[in-house]
Amino acid sequence: MLTAMSTAISTAAVQAAAVQLPAGVAVHAPWYDGGFSPWFLLFPLFWILVIGLIIFVARRTWRTNHRWAARQGGEGVLRERYARGEIDETEYRQRLQVLRAEEK
């Protein structure tokens, strides 16, 4: 009995709502008037821009890090050799001066 009553109420509510809607809204929805609308292009364009920005930032960061690592490579090896005791302080400073002079 309860389900029959709730079904009757929901059916009556749907029929009342359908009667009050204009014909164009009931068929096409309130945001569509039947003509061409370019707004649907905004979502793919947005995601294309977001993905492009991510790729741009990633490549730029990788290049910057790669250049920094290449520049610091010789000095890093020299620091490691000095830390291990393979070279003394005077040799370390001489070689560091040579490496830094080549960069300029």
PDB file of N, CA and C in Angstrom:
ATOM      1  N   MET A   1       0.811  -1.184   0.000  1.00  0.00           N
ATOM      2  CA  MET A   1       0.000   0.000   0.000  1.00  0.00           C
ATOM      3  C   MET A   1       0.863   1.259   0.000  1.00  0.00           C
ATOM      4  N   LEU A   2       1.949   1.204   0.770  1.00  0.00           N
ATOM      5  CA  LEU A   2       2.836   2.352   0.855  1.00  0.00           C
ATOM      6  C   LEU A   2       3.550   2.589  -0.480  1.00  0.00           C
ATOM      7  N   THR A   3       3.962   1.531  -1.142  1.00  0.00           N
ATOM      8  CA  THR A   3       4.654   1.698  -2.428  1.00  0.00           C
ATOM      9  C   THR A   3       3.699   2.203  -3.501  1.00  0.00           C
ATOM     10  N   ALA A   4       2.461   1.763  -3.469  1.00  0.00           N
ATOM     11  CA  ALA A   4       1.491   2.240  -4.451  1.00  0.00           C
ATOM     12  C   ALA A   4       1.209   3.718  -4.231  1.00  0.00           C
ATOM     13  N   MET A   5       1.160   4.136  -2.987  1.00  0.00           N
ATOM     14  CA  MET A   5       0.900   5.533  -2.692  1.00  0.00           C
ATOM     15  C   MET A   5       2.080   6.407  -3.114  1.00  0.00           C
ATOM     16  N   SER A   6       3.333   5.961  -2.831  1.00  0.00           N
ATOM     17  CA  SER A   6       4.515   6.748  -3.205  1.00  0.00           C
ATOM     18  C   SER A   6       4.660   6.795  -4.726  1.00  0.00           C
ATOM     19  N   THR A   7       4.295   5.732  -5.408  1.00  0.00           N
ATOM     20  CA  THR A   7       4.342   5.730  -6.869  1.00  0.00           C
ATOM     21  C   THR A   7       3.325   6.706  -7.433  1.00  0.00           C
ATOM     22  N   ALA A   8       2.159   6.739  -6.869  1.00  0.00           N
ATOM     23  CA  ALA A   8       1.123   7.655  -7.334  1.00  0.00           C
ATOM     24  C   ALA A   8       1.518   9.101  -7.087  1.00  0.00           C
ATOM     25  N   ILE A   9       2.135   9.366  -5.953  1.00  0.00           N
ATOM     26  CA  ILE A   9       2.561  10.737  -5.648  1.00  0.00           C
ATOM     27  C   ILE A   9       3.677  11.166  -6.589  1.00  0.00           C
ATOM     28  N   SER A  10       4.670  10.292  -6.811  1.00  0.00           N
ATOM     29  CA  SER A  10       5.786  10.662  -7.687  1.00  0.00           C
ATOM     30  C   SER A  10       5.307  10.824  -9.133  1.00  0.00           C
ATOM     31  N   THR A  11       4.369  10.006  -9.567  1.00  0.00           N
ATOM     32  CA  THR A  11       3.827  10.140 -10.921  1.00  0.00           C
ATOM     33  C   THR A  11       3.075  11.461 -11.066  1.00  0.00           C
ATOM     34  N   ALA A  12       2.319  11.812 -10.062  1.00  0.00           N
ATOM     35  CA  ALA A  12       1.585  13.075 -10.103  1.00  0.00           C
ATOM     36  C   ALA A  12       2.536  14.261 -10.106  1.00  0.00           C
ATOM     37  N   ALA A  13       3.621  14.174  -9.355  1.00  0.00           N
ATOM     38  CA  ALA A  13       4.596  15.266  -9.311  1.00  0.00           C
ATOM     39  C   ALA A  13       5.289  15.421 -10.660  1.00  0.00           C
ATOM     40  N   VAL A  14       5.637  14.328 -11.298  1.00  0.00           N
ATOM     41  CA  VAL A  14       6.300  14.387 -12.608  1.00  0.00           C
ATOM     42  C   VAL A  14       5.349  14.958 -13.650  1.00  0.00           C
ATOM     43  N   GLN A  15       4.101  14.548 -13.618  1.00  0.00           N
ATOM     44  CA  GLN A  15       3.128  15.064 -14.585  1.00  0.00           C
ATOM     45  C   GLN A  15       2.893  16.555 -14.359  1.00  0.00           C
ATOM     46  N   ALA A  16       2.850  16.995 -13.124  1.00  0.00           N
ATOM     47  CA  ALA A  16       2.636  18.410 -12.836  1.00  0.00           C
ATOM     48  C   ALA A  16       3.831  19.232 -13.300  1.00  0.00           C
ATOM     49  N   ALA A  17       5.036  18.716 -13.119  1.00  0.00           N
ATOM     50  CA  ALA A  17       6.237  19.427 -13.552  1.00  0.00           C
ATOM     51  C   ALA A  17       6.305  19.483 -15.073  1.00  0.00           C
ATOM     52  N   ALA A  18       5.929  18.412 -15.744  1.00  0.00           N
ATOM     53  CA  ALA A  18       5.963  18.380 -17.202  1.00  0.00           C
ATOM     54  C   ALA A  18       4.932  19.330 -17.797  1.00  0.00           C
ATOM     55  N   VAL A  19       3.836  19.507 -17.136  1.00  0.00           N
ATOM     56  CA  VAL A  19       2.793  20.397 -17.641  1.00  0.00           C
ATOM     57  C   VAL A  19       3.261  21.847 -17.547  1.00  0.00           C
ATOM     58  N   GLN A  20       4.030  22.190 -16.545  1.00  0.00           N
ATOM     59  CA  GLN A  20       4.442  23.565 -16.331  1.00  0.00           C
ATOM     60  C   GLN A  20       5.627  23.982 -17.199  1.00  0.00           C
ATOM     61  N   LEU A  21       6.402  23.046 -17.748  1.00  0.00           N
ATOM     62  CA  LEU A  21       7.563  23.385 -18.570  1.00  0.00           C
ATOM     63  C   LEU A  21       7.144  23.802 -19.969  1.00  0.00           C
ATOM     64  N   PRO A  22       7.804  24.824 -20.536  1.00  0.00           N
ATOM     65  CA  PRO A  22       7.550  25.160 -21.933  1.00  0.00           C
ATOM     66  C   PRO A  22       7.997  24.012 -22.843  1.00  0.00           C
ATOM     67  N   ALA A  23       7.456  23.974 -24.028  1.00  0.00           N
ATOM     68  CA  ALA A  23       7.715  22.858 -24.940  1.00  0.00           C
ATOM     69  C   ALA A  23       9.196  22.749 -25.304  1.00  0.00           C
ATOM     70  N   GLY A  24       9.871  23.863 -25.574  1.00  0.00           N
ATOM     71  CA  GLY A  24      11.286  23.816 -25.954  1.00  0.00           C
ATOM     72  C   GLY A  24      12.178  23.334 -24.838  1.00  0.00           C
ATOM     73  N   VAL A  25      11.846  23.690 -23.614  1.00  0.00           N
ATOM     74  CA  VAL A  25      12.644  23.276 -22.468  1.00  0.00           C
ATOM     75  C   VAL A  25      12.459  21.792 -22.205  1.00  0.00           C
ATOM     76  N   ALA A  26      11.252  21.305 -22.362  1.00  0.00           N
ATOM     77  CA  ALA A  26      10.993  19.895 -22.104  1.00  0.00           C
ATOM     78  C   ALA A  26      11.707  19.007 -23.118  1.00  0.00           C
ATOM     79  N   VAL A  27      11.891  19.485 -24.341  1.00  0.00           N
ATOM     80  CA  VAL A  27      12.520  18.675 -25.382  1.00  0.00           C
ATOM     81  C   VAL A  27      14.039  18.805 -25.358  1.00  0.00           C
ATOM     82  N   HIS A  28      14.581  20.056 -25.241  1.00  0.00           N
ATOM     83  CA  HIS A  28      16.008  20.279 -25.432  1.00  0.00           C
ATOM     84  C   HIS A  28      16.780  20.593 -24.165  1.00  0.00           C
ATOM     85  N   ALA A  29      16.156  20.851 -23.081  1.00  0.00           N
ATOM     86  CA  ALA A  29      16.767  21.272 -21.828  1.00  0.00           C
ATOM     87  C   ALA A  29      16.910  22.794 -21.834  1.00  0.00           C
ATOM     88  N   PRO A  30      17.017  23.410 -20.698  1.00  0.00           N
ATOM     89  CA  PRO A  30      16.988  24.872 -20.627  1.00  0.00           C
ATOM     90  C   PRO A  30      18.228  25.555 -21.203  1.00  0.00           C
ATOM     91  N   TRP A  31      19.346  24.867 -21.365  1.00  0.00           N
ATOM     92  CA  TRP A  31      20.563  25.511 -21.848  1.00  0.00           C
ATOM     93  C   TRP A  31      20.801  25.309 -23.340  1.00  0.00           C
ATOM     94  N   TYR A  32      19.921  24.684 -24.019  1.00  0.00           N
ATOM     95  CA  TYR A  32      20.129  24.401 -25.443  1.00  0.00           C
ATOM     96  C   TYR A  32      18.942  24.931 -26.228  1.00  0.00           C
ATOM     97  N   ASP A  33      19.201  25.868 -27.157  1.00  0.00           N
ATOM     98  CA  ASP A  33      18.110  26.437 -27.938  1.00  0.00           C
ATOM     99  C   ASP A  33      18.052  25.880 -29.349  1.00  0.00           C
ATOM    100  N   GLY A  34      18.833  24.885 -29.658  1.00  0.00           N
ATOM    101  CA  GLY A  34      18.770  24.246 -30.968  1.00  0.00           C
ATOM    102  C   GLY A  34      19.838  24.709 -31.941  1.00  0.00           C
ATOM    103  N   GLY A  35      20.548  25.806 -31.658  1.00  0.00           N
ATOM    104  CA  GLY A  35      21.585  26.307 -32.550  1.00  0.00           C
ATOM    105  C   GLY A  35      22.959  25.771 -32.177  1.00  0.00           C
ATOM    106  N   PHE A  36      23.960  26.092 -32.991  1.00  0.00           N
ATOM    107  CA  PHE A  36      25.333  25.663 -32.736  1.00  0.00           C
ATOM    108  C   PHE A  36      25.934  26.541 -31.647  1.00  0.00           C
ATOM    109  N   SER A  37      26.601  25.935 -30.705  1.00  0.00           N
ATOM    110  CA  SER A  37      27.234  26.679 -29.625  1.00  0.00           C
ATOM    111  C   SER A  37      28.686  26.226 -29.510  1.00  0.00           C
ATOM    112  N   PRO A  38      29.642  27.152 -29.603  1.00  0.00           N
ATOM    113  CA  PRO A  38      31.057  26.756 -29.535  1.00  0.00           C
ATOM    114  C   PRO A  38      31.567  26.535 -28.110  1.00  0.00           C
ATOM    115  N   TRP A  39      30.742  26.627 -27.114  1.00  0.00           N
ATOM    116  CA  TRP A  39      31.197  26.481 -25.737  1.00  0.00           C
ATOM    117  C   TRP A  39      31.755  25.104 -25.438  1.00  0.00           C
ATOM    118  N   PHE A  40      31.333  24.101 -26.185  1.00  0.00           N
ATOM    119  CA  PHE A  40      31.832  22.762 -25.918  1.00  0.00           C
ATOM    120  C   PHE A  40      33.324  22.646 -26.244  1.00  0.00           C
ATOM    121  N   LEU A  41      33.884  23.601 -26.979  1.00  0.00           N
ATOM    122  CA  LEU A  41      35.306  23.582 -27.306  1.00  0.00           C
ATOM    123  C   LEU A  41      36.184  24.054 -26.144  1.00  0.00           C
ATOM    124  N   LEU A  42      35.610  24.726 -25.174  1.00  0.00           N
ATOM    125  CA  LEU A  42      36.403  25.258 -24.074  1.00  0.00           C
ATOM    126  C   LEU A  42      37.020  24.172 -23.204  1.00  0.00           C
ATOM    127  N   PHE A  43      36.317  23.103 -22.948  1.00  0.00           N
ATOM    128  CA  PHE A  43      36.856  22.060 -22.086  1.00  0.00           C
ATOM    129  C   PHE A  43      38.051  21.354 -22.718  1.00  0.00           C
ATOM    130  N   PRO A  44      37.978  20.899 -23.964  1.00  0.00           N
ATOM    131  CA  PRO A  44      39.187  20.307 -24.560  1.00  0.00           C
ATOM    132  C   PRO A  44      40.326  21.311 -24.684  1.00  0.00           C
ATOM    133  N   LEU A  45      40.016  22.559 -25.004  1.00  0.00           N
ATOM    134  CA  LEU A  45      41.044  23.582 -25.111  1.00  0.00           C
ATOM    135  C   LEU A  45      41.725  23.806 -23.759  1.00  0.00           C
ATOM    136  N   PHE A  46      40.954  23.826 -22.711  1.00  0.00           N
ATOM    137  CA  PHE A  46      41.513  23.982 -21.368  1.00  0.00           C
ATOM    138  C   PHE A  46      42.493  22.860 -21.052  1.00  0.00           C
ATOM    139  N   TRP A  47      42.103  21.613 -21.310  1.00  0.00           N
ATOM    140  CA  TRP A  47      42.978  20.485 -20.992  1.00  0.00           C
ATOM    141  C   TRP A  47      44.198  20.443 -21.898  1.00  0.00           C
ATOM    142  N   ILE A  48      44.052  20.853 -23.142  1.00  0.00           N
ATOM    143  CA  ILE A  48      45.214  20.925 -24.033  1.00  0.00           C
ATOM    144  C   ILE A  48      46.205  21.947 -23.497  1.00  0.00           C
ATOM    145  N   LEU A  49      45.722  23.092 -23.044  1.00  0.00           N
ATOM    146  CA  LEU A  49      46.605  24.104 -22.473  1.00  0.00           C
ATOM    147  C   LEU A  49      47.271  23.625 -21.185  1.00  0.00           C
ATOM    148  N   VAL A  50      46.535  22.949 -20.333  1.00  0.00           N
ATOM    149  CA  VAL A  50      47.105  22.451 -19.085  1.00  0.00           C
ATOM    150  C   VAL A  50      48.203  21.427 -19.367  1.00  0.00           C
ATOM    151  N   ILE A  51      47.940  20.490 -20.267  1.00  0.00           N
ATOM    152  CA  ILE A  51      48.932  19.470 -20.604  1.00  0.00           C
ATOM    153  C   ILE A  51      50.150  20.114 -21.263  1.00  0.00           C
ATOM    154  N   GLY A  52      49.924  21.069 -22.150  1.00  0.00           N
ATOM    155  CA  GLY A  52      51.030  21.772 -22.787  1.00  0.00           C
ATOM    156  C   GLY A  52      51.882  22.518 -21.779  1.00  0.00           C
ATOM    157  N   LEU A  53      51.251  23.155 -20.809  1.00  0.00           N
ATOM    158  CA  LEU A  53      51.987  23.872 -19.774  1.00  0.00           C
ATOM    159  C   LEU A  53      52.820  22.913 -18.930  1.00  0.00           C
ATOM    160  N   ILE A  54      52.271  21.770 -18.605  1.00  0.00           N
ATOM    161  CA  ILE A  54      53.011  20.773 -17.829  1.00  0.00           C
ATOM    162  C   ILE A  54      54.231  20.294 -18.605  1.00  0.00           C
ATOM    163  N   ILE A  55      54.060  20.021 -19.887  1.00  0.00           N
ATOM    164  CA  ILE A  55      55.181  19.579 -20.717  1.00  0.00           C
ATOM    165  C   ILE A  55      56.237  20.674 -20.810  1.00  0.00           C
ATOM    166  N   PHE A  56      55.816  21.927 -21.007  1.00  0.00           N
ATOM    167  CA  PHE A  56      56.756  23.037 -21.106  1.00  0.00           C
ATOM    168  C   PHE A  56      57.577  23.181 -19.828  1.00  0.00           C
ATOM    169  N   VAL A  57      56.913  23.161 -18.677  1.00  0.00           N
ATOM    170  CA  VAL A  57      57.616  23.328 -17.404  1.00  0.00           C
ATOM    171  C   VAL A  57      58.549  22.145 -17.147  1.00  0.00           C
ATOM    172  N   ALA A  58      58.107  20.938 -17.462  1.00  0.00           N
ATOM    173  CA  ALA A  58      58.949  19.752 -17.237  1.00  0.00           C
ATOM    174  C   ALA A  58      60.204  19.802 -18.100  1.00  0.00           C
ATOM    175  N   ARG A  59      60.057  20.151 -19.372  1.00  0.00           N
ATOM    176  CA  ARG A  59      61.229  20.216 -20.253  1.00  0.00           C
ATOM    177  C   ARG A  59      62.183  21.313 -19.826  1.00  0.00           C
ATOM    178  N   ARG A  60      61.645  22.460 -19.438  1.00  0.00           N
ATOM    179  CA  ARG A  60      62.506  23.565 -19.010  1.00  0.00           C
ATOM    180  C   ARG A  60      63.265  23.196 -17.739  1.00  0.00           C
ATOM    181  N   THR A  61      62.584  22.559 -16.799  1.00  0.00           N
ATOM    182  CA  THR A  61      63.234  22.134 -15.562  1.00  0.00           C
ATOM    183  C   THR A  61      64.316  21.102 -15.841  1.00  0.00           C
ATOM    184  N   TRP A  62      64.020  20.140 -16.713  1.00  0.00           N
ATOM    185  CA  TRP A  62      65.003  19.111 -17.040  1.00  0.00           C
ATOM    186  C   TRP A  62      66.235  19.735 -17.674  1.00  0.00           C
ATOM    187  N   ARG A  63      66.044  20.668 -18.609  1.00  0.00           N
ATOM    188  CA  ARG A  63      67.185  21.318 -19.254  1.00  0.00           C
ATOM    189  C   ARG A  63      68.033  22.085 -18.256  1.00  0.00           C
ATOM    190  N   THR A  64      67.370  22.824 -17.354  1.00  0.00           N
ATOM    191  CA  THR A  64      68.107  23.596 -16.355  1.00  0.00           C
ATOM    192  C   THR A  64      68.911  22.671 -15.451  1.00  0.00           C
ATOM    193  N   ASN A  65      68.288  21.587 -15.001  1.00  0.00           N
ATOM    194  CA  ASN A  65      68.994  20.640 -14.139  1.00  0.00           C
ATOM    195  C   ASN A  65      70.132  19.956 -14.883  1.00  0.00           C
ATOM    196  N   HIS A  66      69.915  19.646 -16.142  1.00  0.00           N
ATOM    197  CA  HIS A  66      70.951  18.980 -16.937  1.00  0.00           C
ATOM    198  C   HIS A  66      72.160  19.902 -17.109  1.00  0.00           C
ATOM    199  N   ARG A  67      71.914  21.175 -17.411  1.00  0.00           N
ATOM    200  CA  ARG A  67      73.026  22.136 -17.554  1.00  0.00           C
ATOM    201  C   ARG A  67      73.763  22.318 -16.235  1.00  0.00           C
ATOM    202  N   TRP A  68      73.012  22.397 -15.135  1.00  0.00           N
ATOM    203  CA  TRP A  68      73.641  22.574 -13.834  1.00  0.00           C
ATOM    204  C   TRP A  68      74.497  21.365 -13.485  1.00  0.00           C
ATOM    205  N   ALA A  69      73.983  20.164 -13.763  1.00  0.00           N
ATOM    206  CA  ALA A  69      74.742  18.951 -13.455  1.00  0.00           C
ATOM    207  C   ALA A  69      75.998  18.864 -14.311  1.00  0.00           C
ATOM    208  N   ALA A  70      75.912  19.273 -15.573  1.00  0.00           N
ATOM    209  CA  ALA A  70      77.086  19.244 -16.435  1.00  0.00           C
ATOM    210  C   ALA A  70      78.132  20.245 -15.952  1.00  0.00           C
ATOM    211  N   ARG A  71      77.684  21.397 -15.483  1.00  0.00           N
ATOM    212  CA  ARG A  71      78.608  22.401 -14.985  1.00  0.00           C
ATOM    213  C   ARG A  71      79.257  21.954 -13.684  1.00  0.00           C
ATOM    214  N   GLN A  72      78.480  21.316 -12.826  1.00  0.00           N
ATOM    215  CA  GLN A  72      78.986  20.909 -11.516  1.00  0.00           C
ATOM    216  C   GLN A  72      79.695  19.565 -11.546  1.00  0.00           C
ATOM    217  N   GLY A  73      79.702  18.896 -12.681  1.00  0.00           N
ATOM    218  CA  GLY A  73      80.268  17.549 -12.763  1.00  0.00           C
ATOM    219  C   GLY A  73      81.729  17.483 -12.381  1.00  0.00           C
ATOM    220  N   GLY A  74      82.566  18.342 -12.991  1.00  0.00           N
ATOM    221  CA  GLY A  74      83.998  18.314 -12.704  1.00  0.00           C
ATOM    222  C   GLY A  74      84.310  18.709 -11.278  1.00  0.00           C
ATOM    223  N   GLU A  75      83.632  19.730 -10.805  1.00  0.00           N
ATOM    224  CA  GLU A  75      83.855  20.166  -9.430  1.00  0.00           C
ATOM    225  C   GLU A  75      83.389  19.109  -8.443  1.00  0.00           C
ATOM    226  N   GLY A  76      82.318  18.426  -8.765  1.00  0.00           N
ATOM    227  CA  GLY A  76      81.820  17.375  -7.875  1.00  0.00           C
ATOM    228  C   GLY A  76      82.801  16.224  -7.754  1.00  0.00           C
ATOM    229  N   VAL A  77      83.368  15.828  -8.876  1.00  0.00           N
ATOM    230  CA  VAL A  77      84.364  14.750  -8.855  1.00  0.00           C
ATOM    231  C   VAL A  77      85.582  15.191  -8.063  1.00  0.00           C
ATOM    232  N   LEU A  78      85.982  16.434  -8.263  1.00  0.00           N
ATOM    233  CA  LEU A  78      87.144  16.961  -7.537  1.00  0.00           C
ATOM    234  C   LEU A  78      86.877  17.000  -6.033  1.00  0.00           C
ATOM    235  N   ARG A  79      85.674  17.427  -5.640  1.00  0.00           N
ATOM    236  CA  ARG A  79      85.327  17.441  -4.211  1.00  0.00           C
ATOM    237  C   ARG A  79      85.355  16.038  -3.622  1.00  0.00           C
ATOM    238  N   GLU A  80      84.834  15.072  -4.366  1.00  0.00           N
ATOM    239  CA  GLU A  80      84.833  13.686  -3.877  1.00  0.00           C
ATOM    240  C   GLU A  80      86.258  13.158  -3.699  1.00  0.00           C
ATOM    241  N   ARG A  81      87.116  13.443  -4.657  1.00  0.00           N
ATOM    242  CA  ARG A  81      88.503  12.974  -4.554  1.00  0.00           C
ATOM    243  C   ARG A  81      89.201  13.610  -3.356  1.00  0.00           C
ATOM    244  N   TYR A  82      88.922  14.906  -3.128  1.00  0.00           N
ATOM    245  CA  TYR A  82      89.523  15.578  -1.974  1.00  0.00           C
ATOM    246  C   TYR A  82      88.974  14.999  -0.672  1.00  0.00           C
ATOM    247  N   ALA A  83      87.682  14.701  -0.648  1.00  0.00           N
ATOM    248  CA  ALA A  83      87.070  14.131   0.564  1.00  0.00           C
ATOM    249  C   ALA A  83      87.610  12.735   0.861  1.00  0.00           C
ATOM    250  N   ARG A  84      87.908  11.962  -0.168  1.00  0.00           N
ATOM    251  CA  ARG A  84      88.459  10.619   0.030  1.00  0.00           C
ATOM    252  C   ARG A  84      89.936  10.644   0.404  1.00  0.00           C
ATOM    253  N   GLY A  85      90.587  11.797   0.217  1.00  0.00           N
ATOM    254  CA  GLY A  85      91.998  11.904   0.552  1.00  0.00           C
ATOM    255  C   GLY A  85      92.918  11.551  -0.600  1.00  0.00           C
ATOM    256  N   GLU A  86      92.393  11.423  -1.807  1.00  0.00           N
ATOM    257  CA  GLU A  86      93.223  11.084  -2.960  1.00  0.00           C
ATOM    258  C   GLU A  86      94.125  12.250  -3.366  1.00  0.00           C
ATOM    259  N   ILE A  87      93.665  13.492  -3.118  1.00  0.00           N
ATOM    260  CA  ILE A  87      94.470  14.675  -3.432  1.00  0.00           C
ATOM    261  C   ILE A  87      94.535  15.562  -2.202  1.00  0.00           C
ATOM    262  N   ASP A  88      95.589  16.356  -2.104  1.00  0.00           N
ATOM    263  CA  ASP A  88      95.722  17.258  -0.961  1.00  0.00           C
ATOM    264  C   ASP A  88      95.070  18.607  -1.275  1.00  0.00           C
ATOM    265  N   GLU A  89      95.111  19.510  -0.296  1.00  0.00           N
ATOM    266  CA  GLU A  89      94.405  20.788  -0.433  1.00  0.00           C
ATOM    267  C   GLU A  89      94.997  21.668  -1.527  1.00  0.00           C
ATOM    268  N   THR A  90      96.301  21.693  -1.662  1.00  0.00           N
ATOM    269  CA  THR A  90      96.907  22.548  -2.701  1.00  0.00           C
ATOM    270  C   THR A  90      96.536  22.051  -4.098  1.00  0.00           C
ATOM    271  N   GLU A  91      96.571  20.748  -4.292  1.00  0.00           N
ATOM    272  CA  GLU A  91      96.190  20.198  -5.604  1.00  0.00           C
ATOM    273  C   GLU A  91      94.695  20.438  -5.873  1.00  0.00           C
ATOM    274  N   TYR A  92      93.875  20.318  -4.815  1.00  0.00           N
ATOM    275  CA  TYR A  92      92.446  20.577  -4.961  1.00  0.00           C
ATOM    276  C   TYR A  92      92.199  22.013  -5.418  1.00  0.00           C
ATOM    277  N   ARG A  93      92.846  22.964  -4.749  1.00  0.00           N
ATOM    278  CA  ARG A  93      92.653  24.377  -5.097  1.00  0.00           C
ATOM    279  C   ARG A  93      93.188  24.689  -6.498  1.00  0.00           C
ATOM    280  N   GLN A  94      94.310  24.104  -6.886  1.00  0.00           N
ATOM    281  CA  GLN A  94      94.854  24.327  -8.226  1.00  0.00           C
ATOM    282  C   GLN A  94      93.887  23.810  -9.303  1.00  0.00           C
ATOM    283  N   ARG A  95      93.423  22.591  -9.110  1.00  0.00           N
ATOM    284  CA  ARG A  95      92.516  22.001 -10.107  1.00  0.00           C
ATOM    285  C   ARG A  95      91.162  22.730 -10.134  1.00  0.00           C
ATOM    286  N   LEU A  96      90.691  23.166  -8.974  1.00  0.00           N
ATOM    287  CA  LEU A  96      89.434  23.913  -8.921  1.00  0.00           C
ATOM    288  C   LEU A  96      89.582  25.240  -9.665  1.00  0.00           C
ATOM    289  N   GLN A  97      90.720  25.876  -9.508  1.00  0.00           N
ATOM    290  CA  GLN A  97      90.975  27.123 -10.215  1.00  0.00           C
ATOM    291  C   GLN A  97      91.009  26.885 -11.727  1.00  0.00           C
ATOM    292  N   VAL A  98      91.589  25.799 -12.166  1.00  0.00           N
ATOM    293  CA  VAL A  98      91.631  25.467 -13.597  1.00  0.00           C
ATOM    294  C   VAL A  98      90.222  25.198 -14.115  1.00  0.00           C
ATOM    295  N   LEU A  99      89.431  24.450 -13.364  1.00  0.00           N
ATOM    296  CA  LEU A  99      88.063  24.162 -13.808  1.00  0.00           C
ATOM    297  C   LEU A  99      87.230  25.436 -13.923  1.00  0.00           C
ATOM    298  N   ARG A 100      87.346  26.300 -12.976  1.00  0.00           N
ATOM    299  CA  ARG A 100      86.563  27.541 -12.990  1.00  0.00           C
ATOM    300  C   ARG A 100      87.054  28.500 -14.053  1.00  0.00           C
ATOM    301  N   ALA A 101      88.310  28.459 -14.406  1.00  0.00           N
ATOM    302  CA  ALA A 101      88.853  29.320 -15.454  1.00  0.00           C
ATOM    303  C   ALA A 101      88.356  28.873 -16.829  1.00  0.00           C
ATOM    304  N   GLU A 102      88.139  27.576 -17.014  1.00  0.00           N
ATOM    305  CA  GLU A 102      87.659  27.056 -18.304  1.00  0.00           C
ATOM    306  C   GLU A 102      86.220  27.433 -18.565  1.00  0.00           C
ATOM    307  N   GLU A 103      85.429  27.658 -17.511  1.00  0.00           N
ATOM    308  CA  GLU A 103      84.019  28.005 -17.693  1.00  0.00           C
ATOM    309  C   GLU A 103      83.844  29.393 -18.256  1.00  0.00           C
ATOM    310  N   LYS A 104      84.769  30.300 -17.979  1.00  0.00           N
ATOM    311  CA  LYS A 104      84.640  31.693 -18.409  1.00  0.00           C
ATOM    312  C   LYS A 104      85.043  31.887 -19.810  1.00  0.00           C
TER     313      LYS A 104
END
